[in-house]
Amino acid sequence: MYLGVTGDAVAGAHTLKPGLNVGIGTTVPNALLQVNGTTFINATAQDASVTSAKLVVMQTPATADWTQTVKGGTTAGSSYGIRLNAGTNSSDAALVVRDVTNTNDFFKIRGDGNVGIGTITPGQRLSVVGTIESTSGGFEFPDGTTQTTSNILQTNTTNAGSVTSSCLPSTNK
């Protein structure tokens, strides 16, 4: 097939039959449109129905080890924004946010679900390098209690004996 454009005129335009695949940079396309090589897209990719539009970028369809999907929808509960499918091991990275020099990682979600802020090796479900701030609401613990103050010792039991309290040095900022 040949398609050429001269001015506003299109020469050699063709309509493809349903079921045929088109390849750019390949003679054996595996999808309706397969582009092999560096591709620059300056356009809008949209589903004709507009109610479930999505753009999927994946590794070669045969292996599909990873995919990134951007999906929109007009029905509540049917849209998930950006979805990343990655491996399930701690060495897999589902999402990494880093600086433009590619040397400082700010945020990482690993394949095992652990999240790191300021670290790319989170050892728990959430690992933070730096100070955590709660401007309201406090912190909720697994037993359902919420701590909204910085009391060092808090108890709801009455026992015989005495408790001596003292203040620890503080660096208020």
C-alpha atoms as a PDB file:
ATOM      1  CA  MET A   1       0.000   0.000   0.000  1.00  0.00           C
ATOM      2  CA  TYR A   2       1.217   3.474  -0.823  1.00  0.00           C
ATOM      3  CA  LEU A   3      -0.065   6.626   0.809  1.00  0.00           C
ATOM      4  CA  GLY A   4       1.315   9.999  -0.161  1.00  0.00           C
ATOM      5  CA  VAL A   5       0.302  13.542   0.687  1.00  0.00           C
ATOM      6  CA  THR A   6       0.940  16.523  -1.568  1.00  0.00           C
ATOM      7  CA  GLY A   7      -0.433  19.770  -0.243  1.00  0.00           C
ATOM      8  CA  ASP A   8      -4.029  19.017   0.739  1.00  0.00           C
ATOM      9  CA  ALA A   9      -4.398  16.096  -1.688  1.00  0.00           C
ATOM     10  CA  VAL A  10      -4.003  12.492  -0.568  1.00  0.00           C
ATOM     11  CA  ALA A  11      -2.679  10.133  -3.228  1.00  0.00           C
ATOM     12  CA  GLY A  12      -3.031   6.377  -3.036  1.00  0.00           C
ATOM     13  CA  ALA A  13      -5.502   6.384  -0.137  1.00  0.00           C
ATOM     14  CA  HIS A  14      -6.932   2.992   0.673  1.00  0.00           C
ATOM     15  CA  THR A  15      -9.571   1.513   2.894  1.00  0.00           C
ATOM     16  CA  LEU A  16      -8.506  -1.694   4.608  1.00  0.00           C
ATOM     17  CA  LYS A  17     -10.813  -4.652   4.935  1.00  0.00           C
ATOM     18  CA  PRO A  18     -11.940  -5.646   8.442  1.00  0.00           C
ATOM     19  CA  GLY A  19      -9.634  -8.137  10.123  1.00  0.00           C
ATOM     20  CA  LEU A  20      -6.453  -6.880   8.458  1.00  0.00           C
ATOM     21  CA  ASN A  21      -3.540  -5.668  10.574  1.00  0.00           C
ATOM     22  CA  VAL A  22      -1.316  -2.724   9.656  1.00  0.00           C
ATOM     23  CA  GLY A  23       2.376  -2.719  10.477  1.00  0.00           C
ATOM     24  CA  ILE A  24       4.877   0.121  10.512  1.00  0.00           C
ATOM     25  CA  GLY A  25       8.418  -1.178  10.831  1.00  0.00           C
ATOM     26  CA  THR A  26       7.219  -4.782  10.669  1.00  0.00           C
ATOM     27  CA  THR A  27       5.981  -7.061   7.919  1.00  0.00           C
ATOM     28  CA  VAL A  28       4.013  -9.262  10.323  1.00  0.00           C
ATOM     29  CA  PRO A  29       1.825  -7.058  12.555  1.00  0.00           C
ATOM     30  CA  ASN A  30       0.150  -8.812  15.509  1.00  0.00           C
ATOM     31  CA  ALA A  31      -2.532  -6.159  16.142  1.00  0.00           C
ATOM     32  CA  LEU A  32      -4.732  -3.764  14.188  1.00  0.00           C
ATOM     33  CA  LEU A  33      -1.814  -1.297  14.301  1.00  0.00           C
ATOM     34  CA  GLN A  34       1.682  -2.345  15.327  1.00  0.00           C
ATOM     35  CA  VAL A  35       4.518   0.168  15.274  1.00  0.00           C
ATOM     36  CA  ASN A  36       8.081  -1.081  15.795  1.00  0.00           C
ATOM     37  CA  GLY A  37      10.664   1.583  16.509  1.00  0.00           C
ATOM     38  CA  THR A  38      10.660   4.960  18.179  1.00  0.00           C
ATOM     39  CA  THR A  39       7.259   6.557  17.941  1.00  0.00           C
ATOM     40  CA  PHE A  40       6.153  10.120  18.640  1.00  0.00           C
ATOM     41  CA  ILE A  41       2.442  10.590  19.155  1.00  0.00           C
ATOM     42  CA  ASN A  42       0.984  14.071  19.204  1.00  0.00           C
ATOM     43  CA  ALA A  43      -2.692  13.200  19.110  1.00  0.00           C
ATOM     44  CA  THR A  44      -5.657  12.123  21.179  1.00  0.00           C
ATOM     45  CA  ALA A  45      -6.385   8.407  21.440  1.00  0.00           C
ATOM     46  CA  GLN A  46     -10.079   7.979  22.040  1.00  0.00           C
ATOM     47  CA  ASP A  47     -12.668   5.227  22.021  1.00  0.00           C
ATOM     48  CA  ALA A  48     -15.481   6.110  19.633  1.00  0.00           C
ATOM     49  CA  SER A  49     -18.057   5.637  22.398  1.00  0.00           C
ATOM     50  CA  VAL A  50     -16.188   8.035  24.762  1.00  0.00           C
ATOM     51  CA  THR A  51     -17.657   6.116  27.717  1.00  0.00           C
ATOM     52  CA  SER A  52     -14.797   3.660  28.094  1.00  0.00           C
ATOM     53  CA  ALA A  53     -11.820   5.190  26.301  1.00  0.00           C
ATOM     54  CA  LYS A  54      -8.432   3.758  27.170  1.00  0.00           C
ATOM     55  CA  LEU A  55      -4.860   3.667  25.979  1.00  0.00           C
ATOM     56  CA  VAL A  56      -2.813   0.555  26.747  1.00  0.00           C
ATOM     57  CA  VAL A  57       0.969   0.393  26.396  1.00  0.00           C
ATOM     58  CA  MET A  58       2.484  -3.052  26.885  1.00  0.00           C
ATOM     59  CA  GLN A  59       5.504  -5.167  26.229  1.00  0.00           C
ATOM     60  CA  THR A  60       5.245  -7.365  23.152  1.00  0.00           C
ATOM     61  CA  PRO A  61       1.803  -8.993  23.229  1.00  0.00           C
ATOM     62  CA  ALA A  62       3.299 -12.494  23.225  1.00  0.00           C
ATOM     63  CA  THR A  63       4.872 -12.031  26.671  1.00  0.00           C
ATOM     64  CA  ALA A  64       2.968  -9.024  28.090  1.00  0.00           C
ATOM     65  CA  ASP A  65       5.131  -8.953  31.222  1.00  0.00           C
ATOM     66  CA  TRP A  66       4.002  -5.409  31.970  1.00  0.00           C
ATOM     67  CA  THR A  67       1.277  -3.028  30.920  1.00  0.00           C
ATOM     68  CA  GLN A  68       0.294   0.551  31.613  1.00  0.00           C
ATOM     69  CA  THR A  69      -3.322   1.476  31.091  1.00  0.00           C
ATOM     70  CA  VAL A  70      -4.877   4.913  31.135  1.00  0.00           C
ATOM     71  CA  LYS A  71      -8.644   4.584  31.191  1.00  0.00           C
ATOM     72  CA  GLY A  72     -11.477   7.034  31.550  1.00  0.00           C
ATOM     73  CA  GLY A  73     -15.175   6.573  31.848  1.00  0.00           C
ATOM     74  CA  THR A  74     -18.373   8.482  32.396  1.00  0.00           C
ATOM     75  CA  THR A  75     -20.009   5.950  34.718  1.00  0.00           C
ATOM     76  CA  ALA A  76     -19.124   6.027  38.419  1.00  0.00           C
ATOM     77  CA  GLY A  77     -17.173   2.936  39.389  1.00  0.00           C
ATOM     78  CA  SER A  78     -16.052   2.140  35.837  1.00  0.00           C
ATOM     79  CA  SER A  79     -12.999   4.387  35.657  1.00  0.00           C
ATOM     80  CA  TYR A  80      -9.593   3.838  37.225  1.00  0.00           C
ATOM     81  CA  GLY A  81      -7.375   6.594  35.854  1.00  0.00           C
ATOM     82  CA  ILE A  82      -3.933   5.034  35.558  1.00  0.00           C
ATOM     83  CA  ARG A  83      -3.413   1.325  36.209  1.00  0.00           C
ATOM     84  CA  LEU A  84       0.018  -0.282  36.190  1.00  0.00           C
ATOM     85  CA  ASN A  85       0.445  -4.038  35.988  1.00  0.00           C
ATOM     86  CA  ALA A  86       3.868  -5.178  37.127  1.00  0.00           C
ATOM     87  CA  GLY A  87       5.503  -8.212  38.670  1.00  0.00           C
ATOM     88  CA  THR A  88       4.770  -9.491  42.169  1.00  0.00           C
ATOM     89  CA  ASN A  89       8.297  -9.663  43.607  1.00  0.00           C
ATOM     90  CA  SER A  90       9.989  -7.113  45.841  1.00  0.00           C
ATOM     91  CA  SER A  91      12.542  -6.536  43.070  1.00  0.00           C
ATOM     92  CA  ASP A  92       9.778  -5.530  40.622  1.00  0.00           C
ATOM     93  CA  ALA A  93       8.861  -1.856  40.438  1.00  0.00           C
ATOM     94  CA  ALA A  94       5.221  -1.016  39.761  1.00  0.00           C
ATOM     95  CA  LEU A  95       5.888   2.733  39.955  1.00  0.00           C
ATOM     96  CA  VAL A  96       8.998   4.824  40.574  1.00  0.00           C
ATOM     97  CA  VAL A  97       9.042   8.620  40.744  1.00  0.00           C
ATOM     98  CA  ARG A  98      12.517  10.154  40.426  1.00  0.00           C
ATOM     99  CA  ASP A  99      14.178  13.411  39.496  1.00  0.00           C
ATOM    100  CA  VAL A 100      15.064  14.462  35.969  1.00  0.00           C
ATOM    101  CA  THR A 101      18.710  13.428  36.434  1.00  0.00           C
ATOM    102  CA  ASN A 102      17.548   9.873  37.153  1.00  0.00           C
ATOM    103  CA  THR A 103      19.611   9.759  40.353  1.00  0.00           C
ATOM    104  CA  ASN A 104      17.184  10.576  43.198  1.00  0.00           C
ATOM    105  CA  ASP A 105      14.166   8.353  43.784  1.00  0.00           C
ATOM    106  CA  PHE A 106      11.353  10.060  45.692  1.00  0.00           C
ATOM    107  CA  PHE A 107       8.659   7.383  45.707  1.00  0.00           C
ATOM    108  CA  LYS A 108       8.444   3.692  44.835  1.00  0.00           C
ATOM    109  CA  ILE A 109       5.709   1.078  44.815  1.00  0.00           C
ATOM    110  CA  ARG A 110       7.242  -2.377  44.622  1.00  0.00           C
ATOM    111  CA  GLY A 111       5.678  -5.433  43.044  1.00  0.00           C
ATOM    112  CA  ASP A 112       5.016  -6.925  46.497  1.00  0.00           C
ATOM    113  CA  GLY A 113       2.918  -3.868  47.453  1.00  0.00           C
ATOM    114  CA  ASN A 114       5.429  -2.184  49.757  1.00  0.00           C
ATOM    115  CA  VAL A 115       5.602   1.590  49.329  1.00  0.00           C
ATOM    116  CA  GLY A 116       8.678   3.699  49.932  1.00  0.00           C
ATOM    117  CA  ILE A 117       8.783   7.469  50.316  1.00  0.00           C
ATOM    118  CA  GLY A 118      12.381   8.664  50.265  1.00  0.00           C
ATOM    119  CA  THR A 119      13.567   5.073  49.835  1.00  0.00           C
ATOM    120  CA  ILE A 120      13.481   2.529  47.027  1.00  0.00           C
ATOM    121  CA  THR A 121      13.868  -0.404  49.423  1.00  0.00           C
ATOM    122  CA  PRO A 122      10.773  -0.266  51.660  1.00  0.00           C
ATOM    123  CA  GLY A 123      10.897  -3.026  54.268  1.00  0.00           C
ATOM    124  CA  GLN A 124       7.259  -2.680  55.333  1.00  0.00           C
ATOM    125  CA  ARG A 125       3.919  -1.858  53.695  1.00  0.00           C
ATOM    126  CA  LEU A 126       4.913   1.838  54.120  1.00  0.00           C
ATOM    127  CA  SER A 127       8.490   2.971  54.750  1.00  0.00           C
ATOM    128  CA  VAL A 128       9.288   6.663  55.055  1.00  0.00           C
ATOM    129  CA  VAL A 129      12.715   8.266  55.249  1.00  0.00           C
ATOM    130  CA  GLY A 130      12.140  11.603  56.978  1.00  0.00           C
ATOM    131  CA  THR A 131       9.576  13.146  59.281  1.00  0.00           C
ATOM    132  CA  ILE A 132       5.920  12.171  58.987  1.00  0.00           C
ATOM    133  CA  GLU A 133       3.471  14.999  59.645  1.00  0.00           C
ATOM    134  CA  SER A 134      -0.172  14.736  60.629  1.00  0.00           C
ATOM    135  CA  THR A 135      -1.811  18.164  60.518  1.00  0.00           C
ATOM    136  CA  SER A 136      -5.135  16.825  61.797  1.00  0.00           C
ATOM    137  CA  GLY A 137      -6.722  13.551  62.817  1.00  0.00           C
ATOM    138  CA  GLY A 138      -3.683  11.916  64.422  1.00  0.00           C
ATOM    139  CA  PHE A 139      -2.587   8.328  63.862  1.00  0.00           C
ATOM    140  CA  GLU A 140      -4.795   5.240  64.083  1.00  0.00           C
ATOM    141  CA  PHE A 141      -3.345   2.004  65.431  1.00  0.00           C
ATOM    142  CA  PRO A 142      -4.324  -1.612  64.636  1.00  0.00           C
ATOM    143  CA  ASP A 143      -6.419  -1.845  67.821  1.00  0.00           C
ATOM    144  CA  GLY A 144      -8.632   0.993  66.533  1.00  0.00           C
ATOM    145  CA  THR A 145      -7.337   3.675  68.901  1.00  0.00           C
ATOM    146  CA  THR A 146      -6.279   7.037  67.545  1.00  0.00           C
ATOM    147  CA  GLN A 147      -3.479   9.118  69.006  1.00  0.00           C
ATOM    148  CA  THR A 148      -3.884  12.845  68.423  1.00  0.00           C
ATOM    149  CA  THR A 149      -1.400  14.114  71.017  1.00  0.00           C
ATOM    150  CA  SER A 150       2.219  13.346  71.713  1.00  0.00           C
ATOM    151  CA  ASN A 151       1.763  11.741  75.139  1.00  0.00           C
ATOM    152  CA  ILE A 152       4.604   9.410  75.885  1.00  0.00           C
ATOM    153  CA  LEU A 153       2.677   7.325  78.428  1.00  0.00           C
ATOM    154  CA  GLN A 154      -1.057   6.813  78.363  1.00  0.00           C
ATOM    155  CA  THR A 155      -2.938   4.131  80.263  1.00  0.00           C
ATOM    156  CA  ASN A 156      -6.539   3.333  81.104  1.00  0.00           C
ATOM    157  CA  THR A 157      -5.774   0.946  83.976  1.00  0.00           C
ATOM    158  CA  THR A 158      -5.470   1.625  87.700  1.00  0.00           C
ATOM    159  CA  ASN A 159      -2.676  -0.144  89.538  1.00  0.00           C
ATOM    160  CA  ALA A 160      -1.094   0.239  92.937  1.00  0.00           C
ATOM    161  CA  GLY A 161       2.217   2.024  92.841  1.00  0.00           C
ATOM    162  CA  SER A 162       3.426   5.259  91.400  1.00  0.00           C
ATOM    163  CA  VAL A 163       4.484   6.667  88.085  1.00  0.00           C
ATOM    164  CA  THR A 164       7.003   9.457  87.794  1.00  0.00           C
ATOM    165  CA  SER A 165       6.804  11.546  84.682  1.00  0.00           C
ATOM    166  CA  SER A 166       9.436  13.791  83.226  1.00  0.00           C
ATOM    167  CA  CYS A 167       9.854  15.721  80.032  1.00  0.00           C
ATOM    168  CA  LEU A 168      12.200  14.702  77.306  1.00  0.00           C
ATOM    169  CA  PRO A 169      14.221  17.386  75.521  1.00  0.00           C
ATOM    170  CA  SER A 170      12.316  18.823  72.587  1.00  0.00           C
ATOM    171  CA  THR A 171      13.345  20.621  69.434  1.00  0.00           C
ATOM    172  CA  ASN A 172      10.324  22.627  68.358  1.00  0.00           C
ATOM    173  CA  LYS A 173      10.456  23.901  64.820  1.00  0.00           C
END
